[in-house]
Amino acid sequence: MCRNIRPLHNFDPPATDQEARDAALQYVRKISGSTTPSRANEEAFERAVDAVTAATVRLLDELVTTAPPKDREREAEKRRARAAQRYAA
């Protein structure tokens, strides 16, 4: 999975539609192999992003869990600590 795509399920506050779209954009960029589509492929690229966004939002709405929601800031701190340790060398 692309490193820039973050888990979106079970957070307080819940993931926004923009976060779902950002993840979808990263996914489509990854599988298409380009960050910016050519003009010929721009429409197909945008349709794919829209479709993946819709699927992501639907999935997040339908997932259930008994675990307590994770705190966004605490999870971000954990990611920063792991990155600092990884790149300290």
PDB file of N, CA and C in Angstrom:
ATOM      1  N   MET A   1       0.845  -1.177   0.000  1.00  0.00           N
ATOM      2  CA  MET A   1       0.000   0.000   0.000  1.00  0.00           C
ATOM      3  C   MET A   1       0.891   1.241   0.000  1.00  0.00           C
ATOM      4  N   CYS A   2       0.406   2.263  -0.608  1.00  0.00           N
ATOM      5  CA  CYS A   2       1.123   3.529  -0.676  1.00  0.00           C
ATOM      6  C   CYS A   2       1.290   4.099   0.732  1.00  0.00           C
ATOM      7  N   ARG A   3       2.455   4.567   1.058  1.00  0.00           N
ATOM      8  CA  ARG A   3       2.713   5.097   2.396  1.00  0.00           C
ATOM      9  C   ARG A   3       1.856   6.305   2.729  1.00  0.00           C
ATOM     10  N   ASN A   4       1.415   7.042   1.722  1.00  0.00           N
ATOM     11  CA  ASN A   4       0.634   8.239   1.972  1.00  0.00           C
ATOM     12  C   ASN A   4      -0.830   7.948   2.264  1.00  0.00           C
ATOM     13  N   ILE A   5      -1.268   6.728   2.053  1.00  0.00           N
ATOM     14  CA  ILE A   5      -2.646   6.380   2.367  1.00  0.00           C
ATOM     15  C   ILE A   5      -2.679   5.918   3.816  1.00  0.00           C
ATOM     16  N   ARG A   6      -3.447   6.635   4.621  1.00  0.00           N
ATOM     17  CA  ARG A   6      -3.540   6.329   6.049  1.00  0.00           C
ATOM     18  C   ARG A   6      -4.851   5.603   6.343  1.00  0.00           C
ATOM     19  N   PRO A   7      -4.851   4.772   7.379  1.00  0.00           N
ATOM     20  CA  PRO A   7      -6.116   4.163   7.798  1.00  0.00           C
ATOM     21  C   PRO A   7      -7.128   5.255   8.140  1.00  0.00           C
ATOM     22  N   LEU A   8      -8.376   5.039   7.766  1.00  0.00           N
ATOM     23  CA  LEU A   8      -9.418   6.036   8.000  1.00  0.00           C
ATOM     24  C   LEU A   8     -10.530   5.523   8.912  1.00  0.00           C
ATOM     25  N   HIS A   9     -10.509   4.243   9.222  1.00  0.00           N
ATOM     26  CA  HIS A   9     -11.590   3.643  10.009  1.00  0.00           C
ATOM     27  C   HIS A   9     -11.353   3.790  11.506  1.00  0.00           C
ATOM     28  N   ASN A  10     -12.436   4.040  12.226  1.00  0.00           N
ATOM     29  CA  ASN A  10     -12.466   4.035  13.687  1.00  0.00           C
ATOM     30  C   ASN A  10     -11.621   5.146  14.307  1.00  0.00           C
ATOM     31  N   PHE A  11     -11.804   6.350  13.816  1.00  0.00           N
ATOM     32  CA  PHE A  11     -11.132   7.507  14.394  1.00  0.00           C
ATOM     33  C   PHE A  11     -12.159   8.464  14.969  1.00  0.00           C
ATOM     34  N   ASP A  12     -11.731   9.219  15.961  1.00  0.00           N
ATOM     35  CA  ASP A  12     -12.560  10.256  16.531  1.00  0.00           C
ATOM     36  C   ASP A  12     -11.832  11.575  16.382  1.00  0.00           C
ATOM     37  N   PRO A  13     -12.312  12.511  15.603  1.00  0.00           N
ATOM     38  CA  PRO A  13     -13.548  12.487  14.818  1.00  0.00           C
ATOM     39  C   PRO A  13     -13.388  11.601  13.588  1.00  0.00           C
ATOM     40  N   PRO A  14     -14.523  11.165  13.018  1.00  0.00           N
ATOM     41  CA  PRO A  14     -14.481  10.276  11.847  1.00  0.00           C
ATOM     42  C   PRO A  14     -13.801  10.932  10.651  1.00  0.00           C
ATOM     43  N   ALA A  15     -13.361  10.102   9.727  1.00  0.00           N
ATOM     44  CA  ALA A  15     -12.721  10.595   8.502  1.00  0.00           C
ATOM     45  C   ALA A  15     -13.713  11.442   7.704  1.00  0.00           C
ATOM     46  N   THR A  16     -13.188  12.472   7.078  1.00  0.00           N
ATOM     47  CA  THR A  16     -14.026  13.344   6.258  1.00  0.00           C
ATOM     48  C   THR A  16     -14.080  12.824   4.826  1.00  0.00           C
ATOM     49  N   ASP A  17     -15.021  13.362   4.055  1.00  0.00           N
ATOM     50  CA  ASP A  17     -15.098  13.002   2.638  1.00  0.00           C
ATOM     51  C   ASP A  17     -13.822  13.421   1.909  1.00  0.00           C
ATOM     52  N   GLN A  18     -13.229  14.543   2.333  1.00  0.00           N
ATOM     53  CA  GLN A  18     -11.989  15.004   1.692  1.00  0.00           C
ATOM     54  C   GLN A  18     -10.845  14.030   1.959  1.00  0.00           C
ATOM     55  N   GLU A  19     -10.773  13.478   3.155  1.00  0.00           N
ATOM     56  CA  GLU A  19      -9.742  12.481   3.453  1.00  0.00           C
ATOM     57  C   GLU A  19      -9.943  11.228   2.607  1.00  0.00           C
ATOM     58  N   ALA A  20     -11.192  10.835   2.411  1.00  0.00           N
ATOM     59  CA  ALA A  20     -11.486   9.677   1.562  1.00  0.00           C
ATOM     60  C   ALA A  20     -11.071   9.981   0.125  1.00  0.00           C
ATOM     61  N   ARG A  21     -11.336  11.190  -0.354  1.00  0.00           N
ATOM     62  CA  ARG A  21     -10.951  11.565  -1.716  1.00  0.00           C
ATOM     63  C   ARG A  21      -9.427  11.617  -1.857  1.00  0.00           C
ATOM     64  N   ASP A  22      -8.742  12.150  -0.854  1.00  0.00           N
ATOM     65  CA  ASP A  22      -7.275  12.198  -0.897  1.00  0.00           C
ATOM     66  C   ASP A  22      -6.683  10.793  -0.974  1.00  0.00           C
ATOM     67  N   ALA A  23      -7.243   9.857  -0.193  1.00  0.00           N
ATOM     68  CA  ALA A  23      -6.769   8.468  -0.232  1.00  0.00           C
ATOM     69  C   ALA A  23      -7.056   7.850  -1.599  1.00  0.00           C
ATOM     70  N   ALA A  24      -8.233   8.144  -2.148  1.00  0.00           N
ATOM     71  CA  ALA A  24      -8.597   7.620  -3.468  1.00  0.00           C
ATOM     72  C   ALA A  24      -7.651   8.155  -4.535  1.00  0.00           C
ATOM     73  N   LEU A  25      -7.331   9.432  -4.451  1.00  0.00           N
ATOM     74  CA  LEU A  25      -6.406  10.041  -5.413  1.00  0.00           C
ATOM     75  C   LEU A  25      -5.039   9.369  -5.342  1.00  0.00           C
ATOM     76  N   GLN A  26      -4.544   9.129  -4.145  1.00  0.00           N
ATOM     77  CA  GLN A  26      -3.250   8.454  -3.984  1.00  0.00           C
ATOM     78  C   GLN A  26      -3.299   7.051  -4.569  1.00  0.00           C
ATOM     79  N   TYR A  27      -4.396   6.346  -4.326  1.00  0.00           N
ATOM     80  CA  TYR A  27      -4.548   4.990  -4.850  1.00  0.00           C
ATOM     81  C   TYR A  27      -4.551   4.996  -6.380  1.00  0.00           C
ATOM     82  N   VAL A  28      -5.328   5.877  -6.976  1.00  0.00           N
ATOM     83  CA  VAL A  28      -5.411   5.931  -8.439  1.00  0.00           C
ATOM     84  C   VAL A  28      -4.059   6.347  -9.031  1.00  0.00           C
ATOM     85  N   ARG A  29      -3.381   7.276  -8.384  1.00  0.00           N
ATOM     86  CA  ARG A  29      -2.045   7.653  -8.851  1.00  0.00           C
ATOM     87  C   ARG A  29      -1.106   6.460  -8.819  1.00  0.00           C
ATOM     88  N   LYS A  30      -1.168   5.691  -7.745  1.00  0.00           N
ATOM     89  CA  LYS A  30      -0.280   4.544  -7.585  1.00  0.00           C
ATOM     90  C   LYS A  30      -0.522   3.495  -8.664  1.00  0.00           C
ATOM     91  N   ILE A  31      -1.783   3.125  -8.870  1.00  0.00           N
ATOM     92  CA  ILE A  31      -2.039   2.047  -9.822  1.00  0.00           C
ATOM     93  C   ILE A  31      -1.927   2.498 -11.269  1.00  0.00           C
ATOM     94  N   SER A  32      -2.120   3.807 -11.519  1.00  0.00           N
ATOM     95  CA  SER A  32      -1.985   4.298 -12.896  1.00  0.00           C
ATOM     96  C   SER A  32      -0.529   4.573 -13.254  1.00  0.00           C
ATOM     97  N   GLY A  33       0.284   4.773 -12.236  1.00  0.00           N
ATOM     98  CA  GLY A  33       1.704   5.039 -12.479  1.00  0.00           C
ATOM     99  C   GLY A  33       1.996   6.484 -12.832  1.00  0.00           C
ATOM    100  N   SER A  34       1.025   7.376 -12.625  1.00  0.00           N
ATOM    101  CA  SER A  34       1.296   8.786 -12.912  1.00  0.00           C
ATOM    102  C   SER A  34       0.619   9.663 -11.872  1.00  0.00           C
ATOM    103  N   THR A  35       1.285  10.758 -11.530  1.00  0.00           N
ATOM    104  CA  THR A  35       0.706  11.683 -10.566  1.00  0.00           C
ATOM    105  C   THR A  35      -0.245  12.657 -11.238  1.00  0.00           C
ATOM    106  N   THR A  36       0.022  12.942 -12.495  1.00  0.00           N
ATOM    107  CA  THR A  36      -0.845  13.825 -13.275  1.00  0.00           C
ATOM    108  C   THR A  36      -1.145  13.143 -14.601  1.00  0.00           C
ATOM    109  N   PRO A  37      -2.418  12.889 -14.880  1.00  0.00           N
ATOM    110  CA  PRO A  37      -2.749  12.201 -16.133  1.00  0.00           C
ATOM    111  C   PRO A  37      -2.587  13.133 -17.333  1.00  0.00           C
ATOM    112  N   SER A  38      -2.385  12.547 -18.479  1.00  0.00           N
ATOM    113  CA  SER A  38      -2.350  13.329 -19.711  1.00  0.00           C
ATOM    114  C   SER A  38      -3.760  13.846 -19.989  1.00  0.00           C
ATOM    115  N   ARG A  39      -3.875  14.810 -20.869  1.00  0.00           N
ATOM    116  CA  ARG A  39      -5.201  15.340 -21.200  1.00  0.00           C
ATOM    117  C   ARG A  39      -6.113  14.252 -21.748  1.00  0.00           C
ATOM    118  N   ALA A  40      -5.544  13.326 -22.483  1.00  0.00           N
ATOM    119  CA  ALA A  40      -6.334  12.234 -23.058  1.00  0.00           C
ATOM    120  C   ALA A  40      -6.903  11.321 -21.968  1.00  0.00           C
ATOM    121  N   ASN A  41      -6.202  11.217 -20.840  1.00  0.00           N
ATOM    122  CA  ASN A  41      -6.621  10.309 -19.770  1.00  0.00           C
ATOM    123  C   ASN A  41      -7.245  11.022 -18.573  1.00  0.00           C
ATOM    124  N   GLU A  42      -7.323  12.331 -18.630  1.00  0.00           N
ATOM    125  CA  GLU A  42      -7.787  13.108 -17.481  1.00  0.00           C
ATOM    126  C   GLU A  42      -9.207  12.733 -17.033  1.00  0.00           C
ATOM    127  N   GLU A  43     -10.101  12.563 -17.985  1.00  0.00           N
ATOM    128  CA  GLU A  43     -11.488  12.236 -17.652  1.00  0.00           C
ATOM    129  C   GLU A  43     -11.591  10.856 -16.998  1.00  0.00           C
ATOM    130  N   ALA A  44     -10.895   9.888 -17.559  1.00  0.00           N
ATOM    131  CA  ALA A  44     -10.903   8.531 -16.983  1.00  0.00           C
ATOM    132  C   ALA A  44     -10.288   8.536 -15.588  1.00  0.00           C
ATOM    133  N   PHE A  45      -9.233   9.310 -15.409  1.00  0.00           N
ATOM    134  CA  PHE A  45      -8.556   9.428 -14.120  1.00  0.00           C
ATOM    135  C   PHE A  45      -9.528   9.987 -13.079  1.00  0.00           C
ATOM    136  N   GLU A  46     -10.230  11.062 -13.407  1.00  0.00           N
ATOM    137  CA  GLU A  46     -11.179  11.684 -12.478  1.00  0.00           C
ATOM    138  C   GLU A  46     -12.347  10.760 -12.164  1.00  0.00           C
ATOM    139  N   ARG A  47     -12.838  10.036 -13.170  1.00  0.00           N
ATOM    140  CA  ARG A  47     -13.911   9.065 -12.930  1.00  0.00           C
ATOM    141  C   ARG A  47     -13.451   7.984 -11.967  1.00  0.00           C
ATOM    142  N   ALA A  48     -12.218   7.539 -12.129  1.00  0.00           N
ATOM    143  CA  ALA A  48     -11.672   6.514 -11.233  1.00  0.00           C
ATOM    144  C   ALA A  48     -11.563   7.047  -9.812  1.00  0.00           C
ATOM    145  N   VAL A  49     -11.074   8.271  -9.659  1.00  0.00           N
ATOM    146  CA  VAL A  49     -10.966   8.873  -8.326  1.00  0.00           C
ATOM    147  C   VAL A  49     -12.355   8.980  -7.694  1.00  0.00           C
ATOM    148  N   ASP A  50     -13.337   9.419  -8.462  1.00  0.00           N
ATOM    149  CA  ASP A  50     -14.705   9.530  -7.942  1.00  0.00           C
ATOM    150  C   ASP A  50     -15.249   8.171  -7.520  1.00  0.00           C
ATOM    151  N   ALA A  51     -15.016   7.141  -8.322  1.00  0.00           N
ATOM    152  CA  ALA A  51     -15.516   5.804  -8.017  1.00  0.00           C
ATOM    153  C   ALA A  51     -14.845   5.234  -6.767  1.00  0.00           C
ATOM    154  N   VAL A  52     -13.542   5.410  -6.657  1.00  0.00           N
ATOM    155  CA  VAL A  52     -12.821   4.904  -5.481  1.00  0.00           C
ATOM    156  C   VAL A  52     -13.230   5.685  -4.234  1.00  0.00           C
ATOM    157  N   THR A  53     -13.450   6.983  -4.375  1.00  0.00           N
ATOM    158  CA  THR A  53     -13.920   7.786  -3.238  1.00  0.00           C
ATOM    159  C   THR A  53     -15.269   7.274  -2.754  1.00  0.00           C
ATOM    160  N   ALA A  54     -16.192   7.049  -3.682  1.00  0.00           N
ATOM    161  CA  ALA A  54     -17.522   6.554  -3.315  1.00  0.00           C
ATOM    162  C   ALA A  54     -17.428   5.196  -2.623  1.00  0.00           C
ATOM    163  N   ALA A  55     -16.599   4.323  -3.147  1.00  0.00           N
ATOM    164  CA  ALA A  55     -16.428   3.000  -2.534  1.00  0.00           C
ATOM    165  C   ALA A  55     -15.811   3.120  -1.144  1.00  0.00           C
ATOM    166  N   THR A  56     -14.871   4.030  -0.981  1.00  0.00           N
ATOM    167  CA  THR A  56     -14.216   4.234   0.313  1.00  0.00           C
ATOM    168  C   THR A  56     -15.207   4.747   1.349  1.00  0.00           C
ATOM    169  N   VAL A  57     -15.982   5.749   0.982  1.00  0.00           N
ATOM    170  CA  VAL A  57     -16.973   6.307   1.902  1.00  0.00           C
ATOM    171  C   VAL A  57     -17.996   5.246   2.274  1.00  0.00           C
ATOM    172  N   ARG A  58     -18.466   4.483   1.286  1.00  0.00           N
ATOM    173  CA  ARG A  58     -19.433   3.418   1.547  1.00  0.00           C
ATOM    174  C   ARG A  58     -18.852   2.378   2.500  1.00  0.00           C
ATOM    175  N   LEU A  59     -17.611   1.981   2.262  1.00  0.00           N
ATOM    176  CA  LEU A  59     -16.959   1.008   3.134  1.00  0.00           C
ATOM    177  C   LEU A  59     -16.853   1.536   4.557  1.00  0.00           C
ATOM    178  N   LEU A  60     -16.377   2.759   4.715  1.00  0.00           N
ATOM    179  CA  LEU A  60     -16.221   3.331   6.058  1.00  0.00           C
ATOM    180  C   LEU A  60     -17.562   3.432   6.776  1.00  0.00           C
ATOM    181  N   ASP A  61     -18.627   3.745   6.032  1.00  0.00           N
ATOM    182  CA  ASP A  61     -19.961   3.836   6.633  1.00  0.00           C
ATOM    183  C   ASP A  61     -20.476   2.479   7.090  1.00  0.00           C
ATOM    184  N   GLU A  62     -20.070   1.410   6.411  1.00  0.00           N
ATOM    185  CA  GLU A  62     -20.599   0.081   6.706  1.00  0.00           C
ATOM    186  C   GLU A  62     -19.759  -0.718   7.700  1.00  0.00           C
ATOM    187  N   LEU A  63     -18.511  -0.335   7.913  1.00  0.00           N
ATOM    188  CA  LEU A  63     -17.663  -1.070   8.848  1.00  0.00           C
ATOM    189  C   LEU A  63     -18.157  -0.881  10.281  1.00  0.00           C
ATOM    190  N   VAL A  64     -18.093  -1.953  11.052  1.00  0.00           N
ATOM    191  CA  VAL A  64     -18.475  -1.897  12.468  1.00  0.00           C
ATOM    192  C   VAL A  64     -17.322  -2.429  13.298  1.00  0.00           C
ATOM    193  N   THR A  65     -17.245  -1.948  14.522  1.00  0.00           N
ATOM    194  CA  THR A  65     -16.211  -2.409  15.436  1.00  0.00           C
ATOM    195  C   THR A  65     -16.676  -2.203  16.870  1.00  0.00           C
ATOM    196  N   THR A  66     -16.123  -3.003  17.764  1.00  0.00           N
ATOM    197  CA  THR A  66     -16.406  -2.818  19.186  1.00  0.00           C
ATOM    198  C   THR A  66     -15.254  -2.089  19.870  1.00  0.00           C
ATOM    199  N   ALA A  67     -14.173  -1.864  19.136  1.00  0.00           N
ATOM    200  CA  ALA A  67     -13.012  -1.173  19.693  1.00  0.00           C
ATOM    201  C   ALA A  67     -13.324   0.314  19.869  1.00  0.00           C
ATOM    202  N   PRO A  68     -12.762   0.919  20.886  1.00  0.00           N
ATOM    203  CA  PRO A  68     -12.977   2.361  21.061  1.00  0.00           C
ATOM    204  C   PRO A  68     -12.282   3.124  19.934  1.00  0.00           C
ATOM    205  N   PRO A  69     -12.831   4.274  19.546  1.00  0.00           N
ATOM    206  CA  PRO A  69     -12.210   5.061  18.472  1.00  0.00           C
ATOM    207  C   PRO A  69     -10.795   5.496  18.851  1.00  0.00           C
ATOM    208  N   LYS A  70      -9.926   5.537  17.842  1.00  0.00           N
ATOM    209  CA  LYS A  70      -8.546   5.975  18.059  1.00  0.00           C
ATOM    210  C   LYS A  70      -8.492   7.497  18.007  1.00  0.00           C
ATOM    211  N   ASP A  71      -7.592   8.058  18.789  1.00  0.00           N
ATOM    212  CA  ASP A  71      -7.390   9.498  18.814  1.00  0.00           C
ATOM    213  C   ASP A  71      -6.455   9.880  17.672  1.00  0.00           C
ATOM    214  N   ARG A  72      -6.889  10.795  16.830  1.00  0.00           N
ATOM    215  CA  ARG A  72      -6.099  11.177  15.651  1.00  0.00           C
ATOM    216  C   ARG A  72      -4.726  11.727  16.027  1.00  0.00           C
ATOM    217  N   GLU A  73      -4.697  12.595  17.027  1.00  0.00           N
ATOM    218  CA  GLU A  73      -3.423  13.219  17.399  1.00  0.00           C
ATOM    219  C   GLU A  73      -2.458  12.195  17.985  1.00  0.00           C
ATOM    220  N   ARG A  74      -2.957  11.291  18.786  1.00  0.00           N
ATOM    221  CA  ARG A  74      -2.100  10.251  19.372  1.00  0.00           C
ATOM    222  C   ARG A  74      -1.517   9.355  18.279  1.00  0.00           C
ATOM    223  N   GLU A  75      -2.333   8.994  17.299  1.00  0.00           N
ATOM    224  CA  GLU A  75      -1.853   8.164  16.190  1.00  0.00           C
ATOM    225  C   GLU A  75      -0.821   8.918  15.349  1.00  0.00           C
ATOM    226  N   ALA A  76      -1.019  10.218  15.171  1.00  0.00           N
ATOM    227  CA  ALA A  76      -0.053  11.033  14.425  1.00  0.00           C
ATOM    228  C   ALA A  76       1.269  11.093  15.177  1.00  0.00           C
ATOM    229  N   GLU A  77       1.206  11.210  16.498  1.00  0.00           N
ATOM    230  CA  GLU A  77       2.434  11.215  17.307  1.00  0.00           C
ATOM    231  C   GLU A  77       3.187   9.897  17.149  1.00  0.00           C
ATOM    232  N   LYS A  78       2.468   8.794  17.150  1.00  0.00           N
ATOM    233  CA  LYS A  78       3.104   7.486  16.965  1.00  0.00           C
ATOM    234  C   LYS A  78       3.799   7.412  15.606  1.00  0.00           C
ATOM    235  N   ARG A  79       3.123   7.907  14.555  1.00  0.00           N
ATOM    236  CA  ARG A  79       3.727   7.899  13.217  1.00  0.00           C
ATOM    237  C   ARG A  79       4.991   8.752  13.185  1.00  0.00           C
ATOM    238  N   ARG A  80       4.944   9.928  13.821  1.00  0.00           N
ATOM    239  CA  ARG A  80       6.123  10.803  13.847  1.00  0.00           C
ATOM    240  C   ARG A  80       7.270  10.147  14.604  1.00  0.00           C
ATOM    241  N   ALA A  81       6.962   9.477  15.707  1.00  0.00           N
ATOM    242  CA  ALA A  81       8.009   8.809  16.486  1.00  0.00           C
ATOM    243  C   ALA A  81       8.638   7.675  15.673  1.00  0.00           C
ATOM    244  N   ARG A  82       7.820   6.896  14.965  1.00  0.00           N
ATOM    245  CA  ARG A  82       8.366   5.820  14.130  1.00  0.00           C
ATOM    246  C   ARG A  82       9.231   6.393  13.009  1.00  0.00           C
ATOM    247  N   ALA A  83       8.792   7.492  12.417  1.00  0.00           N
ATOM    248  CA  ALA A  83       9.568   8.117  11.343  1.00  0.00           C
ATOM    249  C   ALA A  83      10.885   8.657  11.878  1.00  0.00           C
ATOM    250  N   ALA A  84      10.853   9.275  13.041  1.00  0.00           N
ATOM    251  CA  ALA A  84      12.086   9.817  13.623  1.00  0.00           C
ATOM    252  C   ALA A  84      13.073   8.692  13.904  1.00  0.00           C
ATOM    253  N   GLN A  85      12.585   7.588  14.415  1.00  0.00           N
ATOM    254  CA  GLN A  85      13.453   6.443  14.686  1.00  0.00           C
ATOM    255  C   GLN A  85      13.995   5.845  13.393  1.00  0.00           C
ATOM    256  N   ARG A  86      13.149   5.750  12.373  1.00  0.00           N
ATOM    257  CA  ARG A  86      13.547   5.168  11.101  1.00  0.00           C
ATOM    258  C   ARG A  86      14.614   6.008  10.420  1.00  0.00           C
ATOM    259  N   TYR A  87      14.452   7.334  10.470  1.00  0.00           N
ATOM    260  CA  TYR A  87      15.366   8.225   9.734  1.00  0.00           C
ATOM    261  C   TYR A  87      16.478   8.794  10.605  1.00  0.00           C
ATOM    262  N   ALA A  88      16.614   8.332  11.831  1.00  0.00           N
ATOM    263  CA  ALA A  88      17.647   8.832  12.733  1.00  0.00           C
ATOM    264  C   ALA A  88      19.043   8.395  12.291  1.00  0.00           C
ATOM    265  N   ALA A  89      19.126   7.302  11.582  1.00  0.00           N
ATOM    266  CA  ALA A  89      20.427   6.744  11.208  1.00  0.00           C
ATOM    267  C   ALA A  89      21.134   7.578  10.165  1.00  0.00           C
TER     268      ALA A  89
END
